[in-house]
Each structure stands twice: as structure tokens, then as C-alpha cells.
Amino acid sequence: MAIARLPLIVIDCPDPGALARFYGAMLDWETDVSPDRASVCSGDGRCISFHRVADYTPPEWPTQDRPQQMHLDVIVDDLDAAEVAVTDLGATRHEKQTGTSYRVFLDPAGHPFCLCLN
């Protein structure tokens, strides 16, 4: 029996609403925004929450000068099509790409995330 469950992932950022709208659009999840926090949730109960942090400093990947803090890997069927879609939403492709079956991007708050093939 598990000691705990993982009901929610929480990500610090400067603008919770903007980041929730980005991930909500990318994942096609419902977005809920309030002044200092926001969330996106799937129909089956998976959620990501975003909390406002004063003086937020984004991570620097791949160096550890400011560690990642977290990153998400999301599965896609077509890397090229997914890249166009996430950059249209506000993501930035990271200049350093270390693999061929995934691509590293920065969300609008500077968190790295990867688009991955199965």
C-alpha cells in the first residue's frame, strides 16, 4: 500500500495565469486562474498547479548554476508538428539539444520541458 499519492504537481513562476494558459493549451486541459495561483486539470483528475513567486528566477539548463527545479516530459507523435504548436503558444526551443528522440524547450516562465517520442 502506498504511503502517499501524487495528486498535484506545483510549479513556481512569476505569472501563474500565463503559465496555466500555456500548459492548458498544450495539453488540452481545463484552466482555472486566480490572482496568485492557477491550475490545469485533465478530465481524469491529473493536475498541474502554478504559484506566484516574488522575484522568481528561472532555471538555467543544462548548467547547474540555477538547477532545473523540475521539468516535464510530454509524449508527442510528431516532433516537428509539436514544436510548431508549442512555440506558437509561447515556448522557446532551447539552443542545446542533446537527443534525437526528444527536444528541449523552455516554457514562458523559463522551465525546461521536453517533447518526447514514444
C-alpha atoms as a PDB file:
ATOM      1  CA  MET A   1       0.000   0.000   0.000  1.00  0.00           C
ATOM      2  CA  ALA A   2       1.292   3.444  -0.913  1.00  0.00           C
ATOM      3  CA  ILE A   3       2.164   5.896   1.821  1.00  0.00           C
ATOM      4  CA  ALA A   4       1.116   8.862  -0.327  1.00  0.00           C
ATOM      5  CA  ARG A   5      -0.438   9.754  -3.659  1.00  0.00           C
ATOM      6  CA  LEU A   6       0.679  12.336  -6.176  1.00  0.00           C
ATOM      7  CA  PRO A   7      -2.482  14.359  -6.663  1.00  0.00           C
ATOM      8  CA  LEU A   8      -0.836  17.561  -7.873  1.00  0.00           C
ATOM      9  CA  ILE A   9       2.384  18.979  -9.290  1.00  0.00           C
ATOM     10  CA  VAL A  10       3.103  22.584  -8.231  1.00  0.00           C
ATOM     11  CA  ILE A  11       5.377  24.869 -10.249  1.00  0.00           C
ATOM     12  CA  ASP A  12       6.660  28.241  -9.031  1.00  0.00           C
ATOM     13  CA  CYS A  13       6.549  31.072 -11.569  1.00  0.00           C
ATOM     14  CA  PRO A  14       6.102  34.842 -11.960  1.00  0.00           C
ATOM     15  CA  ASP A  15       2.696  34.714 -13.728  1.00  0.00           C
ATOM     16  CA  PRO A  16       0.505  31.707 -12.830  1.00  0.00           C
ATOM     17  CA  GLY A  17      -2.286  32.584 -15.256  1.00  0.00           C
ATOM     18  CA  ALA A  18       0.019  32.845 -18.254  1.00  0.00           C
ATOM     19  CA  LEU A  19       1.738  29.563 -17.454  1.00  0.00           C
ATOM     20  CA  ALA A  20      -1.581  27.775 -16.836  1.00  0.00           C
ATOM     21  CA  ARG A  21      -2.918  29.006 -20.177  1.00  0.00           C
ATOM     22  CA  PHE A  22       0.260  27.764 -21.900  1.00  0.00           C
ATOM     23  CA  TYR A  23       0.090  24.245 -20.391  1.00  0.00           C
ATOM     24  CA  GLY A  24      -3.706  24.134 -20.667  1.00  0.00           C
ATOM     25  CA  ALA A  25      -3.498  24.806 -24.396  1.00  0.00           C
ATOM     26  CA  MET A  26      -0.601  22.396 -24.928  1.00  0.00           C
ATOM     27  CA  LEU A  27      -2.288  19.525 -23.050  1.00  0.00           C
ATOM     28  CA  ASP A  28      -5.896  20.490 -23.893  1.00  0.00           C
ATOM     29  CA  TRP A  29      -6.735  20.582 -20.167  1.00  0.00           C
ATOM     30  CA  GLU A  30      -9.173  22.844 -18.341  1.00  0.00           C
ATOM     31  CA  THR A  31      -7.625  26.035 -16.926  1.00  0.00           C
ATOM     32  CA  ASP A  32      -8.590  27.732 -13.641  1.00  0.00           C
ATOM     33  CA  VAL A  33      -6.939  31.064 -12.802  1.00  0.00           C
ATOM     34  CA  SER A  34      -6.993  33.183  -9.625  1.00  0.00           C
ATOM     35  CA  PRO A  35      -4.702  36.121  -8.730  1.00  0.00           C
ATOM     36  CA  ASP A  36      -1.755  34.241  -7.171  1.00  0.00           C
ATOM     37  CA  ARG A  37      -2.279  30.703  -8.393  1.00  0.00           C
ATOM     38  CA  ALA A  38      -3.710  28.821 -11.314  1.00  0.00           C
ATOM     39  CA  SER A  39      -4.120  25.224 -12.380  1.00  0.00           C
ATOM     40  CA  VAL A  40      -4.789  22.980 -15.337  1.00  0.00           C
ATOM     41  CA  CYS A  41      -6.591  19.654 -14.966  1.00  0.00           C
ATOM     42  CA  SER A  42      -7.377  16.749 -17.251  1.00  0.00           C
ATOM     43  CA  GLY A  43     -10.716  15.021 -17.301  1.00  0.00           C
ATOM     44  CA  ASP A  44      -9.295  12.091 -15.292  1.00  0.00           C
ATOM     45  CA  GLY A  45      -8.025  14.102 -12.310  1.00  0.00           C
ATOM     46  CA  ARG A  46      -4.401  14.820 -13.265  1.00  0.00           C
ATOM     47  CA  CYS A  47      -3.493  18.425 -12.405  1.00  0.00           C
ATOM     48  CA  ILE A  48      -0.624  20.883 -12.501  1.00  0.00           C
ATOM     49  CA  SER A  49      -0.769  23.975 -10.291  1.00  0.00           C
ATOM     50  CA  PHE A  50       1.201  27.215 -10.717  1.00  0.00           C
ATOM     51  CA  HIS A  51       2.023  29.525  -7.795  1.00  0.00           C
ATOM     52  CA  ARG A  52       3.219  33.125  -7.990  1.00  0.00           C
ATOM     53  CA  VAL A  53       6.694  33.689  -6.512  1.00  0.00           C
ATOM     54  CA  ALA A  54       8.077  37.186  -5.941  1.00  0.00           C
ATOM     55  CA  ASP A  55      11.495  37.748  -7.508  1.00  0.00           C
ATOM     56  CA  TYR A  56      11.245  34.486  -9.455  1.00  0.00           C
ATOM     57  CA  THR A  57      14.499  33.419 -11.121  1.00  0.00           C
ATOM     58  CA  PRO A  58      14.200  30.821 -13.889  1.00  0.00           C
ATOM     59  CA  PRO A  59      16.475  27.777 -14.004  1.00  0.00           C
ATOM     60  CA  GLU A  60      19.434  27.565 -16.374  1.00  0.00           C
ATOM     61  CA  TRP A  61      19.574  24.326 -18.289  1.00  0.00           C
ATOM     62  CA  PRO A  62      21.795  22.379 -18.818  1.00  0.00           C
ATOM     63  CA  THR A  63      24.124  24.037 -16.302  1.00  0.00           C
ATOM     64  CA  GLN A  64      23.524  23.726 -12.585  1.00  0.00           C
ATOM     65  CA  ASP A  65      24.133  27.423 -11.882  1.00  0.00           C
ATOM     66  CA  ARG A  66      20.402  27.593 -11.223  1.00  0.00           C
ATOM     67  CA  PRO A  67      19.113  23.965 -11.219  1.00  0.00           C
ATOM     68  CA  GLN A  68      16.064  22.909 -13.199  1.00  0.00           C
ATOM     69  CA  GLN A  69      13.841  22.730 -10.118  1.00  0.00           C
ATOM     70  CA  MET A  70      11.600  20.454 -12.188  1.00  0.00           C
ATOM     71  CA  HIS A  71      10.825  19.517 -15.753  1.00  0.00           C
ATOM     72  CA  LEU A  72       8.025  17.777 -17.580  1.00  0.00           C
ATOM     73  CA  ASP A  73       8.358  15.210 -20.354  1.00  0.00           C
ATOM     74  CA  VAL A  74       5.331  15.037 -22.612  1.00  0.00           C
ATOM     75  CA  ILE A  75       4.785  12.405 -25.292  1.00  0.00           C
ATOM     76  CA  VAL A  76       4.059  13.536 -28.871  1.00  0.00           C
ATOM     77  CA  ASP A  77       3.511  11.691 -32.141  1.00  0.00           C
ATOM     78  CA  ASP A  78       5.402  14.181 -34.347  1.00  0.00           C
ATOM     79  CA  LEU A  79       8.271  16.295 -33.004  1.00  0.00           C
ATOM     80  CA  ASP A  80       8.155  18.843 -35.824  1.00  0.00           C
ATOM     81  CA  ALA A  81       4.408  19.455 -35.568  1.00  0.00           C
ATOM     82  CA  ALA A  82       4.562  19.607 -31.776  1.00  0.00           C
ATOM     83  CA  GLU A  83       7.450  22.082 -31.914  1.00  0.00           C
ATOM     84  CA  VAL A  84       5.436  24.439 -34.104  1.00  0.00           C
ATOM     85  CA  ALA A  85       2.441  24.141 -31.787  1.00  0.00           C
ATOM     86  CA  VAL A  86       4.317  24.814 -28.525  1.00  0.00           C
ATOM     87  CA  THR A  87       6.310  27.702 -29.946  1.00  0.00           C
ATOM     88  CA  ASP A  88       3.047  29.223 -31.183  1.00  0.00           C
ATOM     89  CA  LEU A  89       1.862  29.003 -27.557  1.00  0.00           C
ATOM     90  CA  GLY A  90       4.948  30.847 -26.271  1.00  0.00           C
ATOM     91  CA  ALA A  91       7.596  28.174 -25.701  1.00  0.00           C
ATOM     92  CA  THR A  92      11.181  28.677 -26.822  1.00  0.00           C
ATOM     93  CA  ARG A  93      13.307  25.896 -28.265  1.00  0.00           C
ATOM     94  CA  HIS A  94      16.461  25.600 -26.184  1.00  0.00           C
ATOM     95  CA  GLU A  95      19.678  26.156 -28.113  1.00  0.00           C
ATOM     96  CA  LYS A  96      21.218  22.971 -26.689  1.00  0.00           C
ATOM     97  CA  GLN A  97      19.632  19.761 -27.941  1.00  0.00           C
ATOM     98  CA  THR A  98      21.217  16.550 -26.673  1.00  0.00           C
ATOM     99  CA  GLY A  99      18.991  13.812 -28.112  1.00  0.00           C
ATOM    100  CA  THR A 100      17.204  12.754 -31.268  1.00  0.00           C
ATOM    101  CA  SER A 101      14.001  11.267 -29.817  1.00  0.00           C
ATOM    102  CA  TYR A 102      13.149  14.378 -27.804  1.00  0.00           C
ATOM    103  CA  ARG A 103      13.518  18.162 -27.938  1.00  0.00           C
ATOM    104  CA  VAL A 104      14.077  20.548 -25.059  1.00  0.00           C
ATOM    105  CA  PHE A 105      12.021  23.739 -24.761  1.00  0.00           C
ATOM    106  CA  LEU A 106      11.548  26.473 -22.193  1.00  0.00           C
ATOM    107  CA  ASP A 107       8.019  27.348 -21.119  1.00  0.00           C
ATOM    108  CA  PRO A 108       7.069  31.042 -20.860  1.00  0.00           C
ATOM    109  CA  ALA A 109       8.491  31.192 -17.303  1.00  0.00           C
ATOM    110  CA  GLY A 110      11.798  29.558 -18.315  1.00  0.00           C
ATOM    111  CA  HIS A 111      11.204  25.997 -17.040  1.00  0.00           C
ATOM    112  CA  PRO A 112      12.652  23.327 -19.311  1.00  0.00           C
ATOM    113  CA  PHE A 113      10.298  20.692 -20.673  1.00  0.00           C
ATOM    114  CA  CYS A 114      10.759  18.004 -23.292  1.00  0.00           C
ATOM    115  CA  LEU A 115       8.654  16.876 -26.198  1.00  0.00           C
ATOM    116  CA  CYS A 116       9.370  13.143 -26.472  1.00  0.00           C
ATOM    117  CA  LEU A 117       8.563  10.438 -28.994  1.00  0.00           C
ATOM    118  CA  ASN A 118       7.235   7.149 -27.604  1.00  0.00           C
END
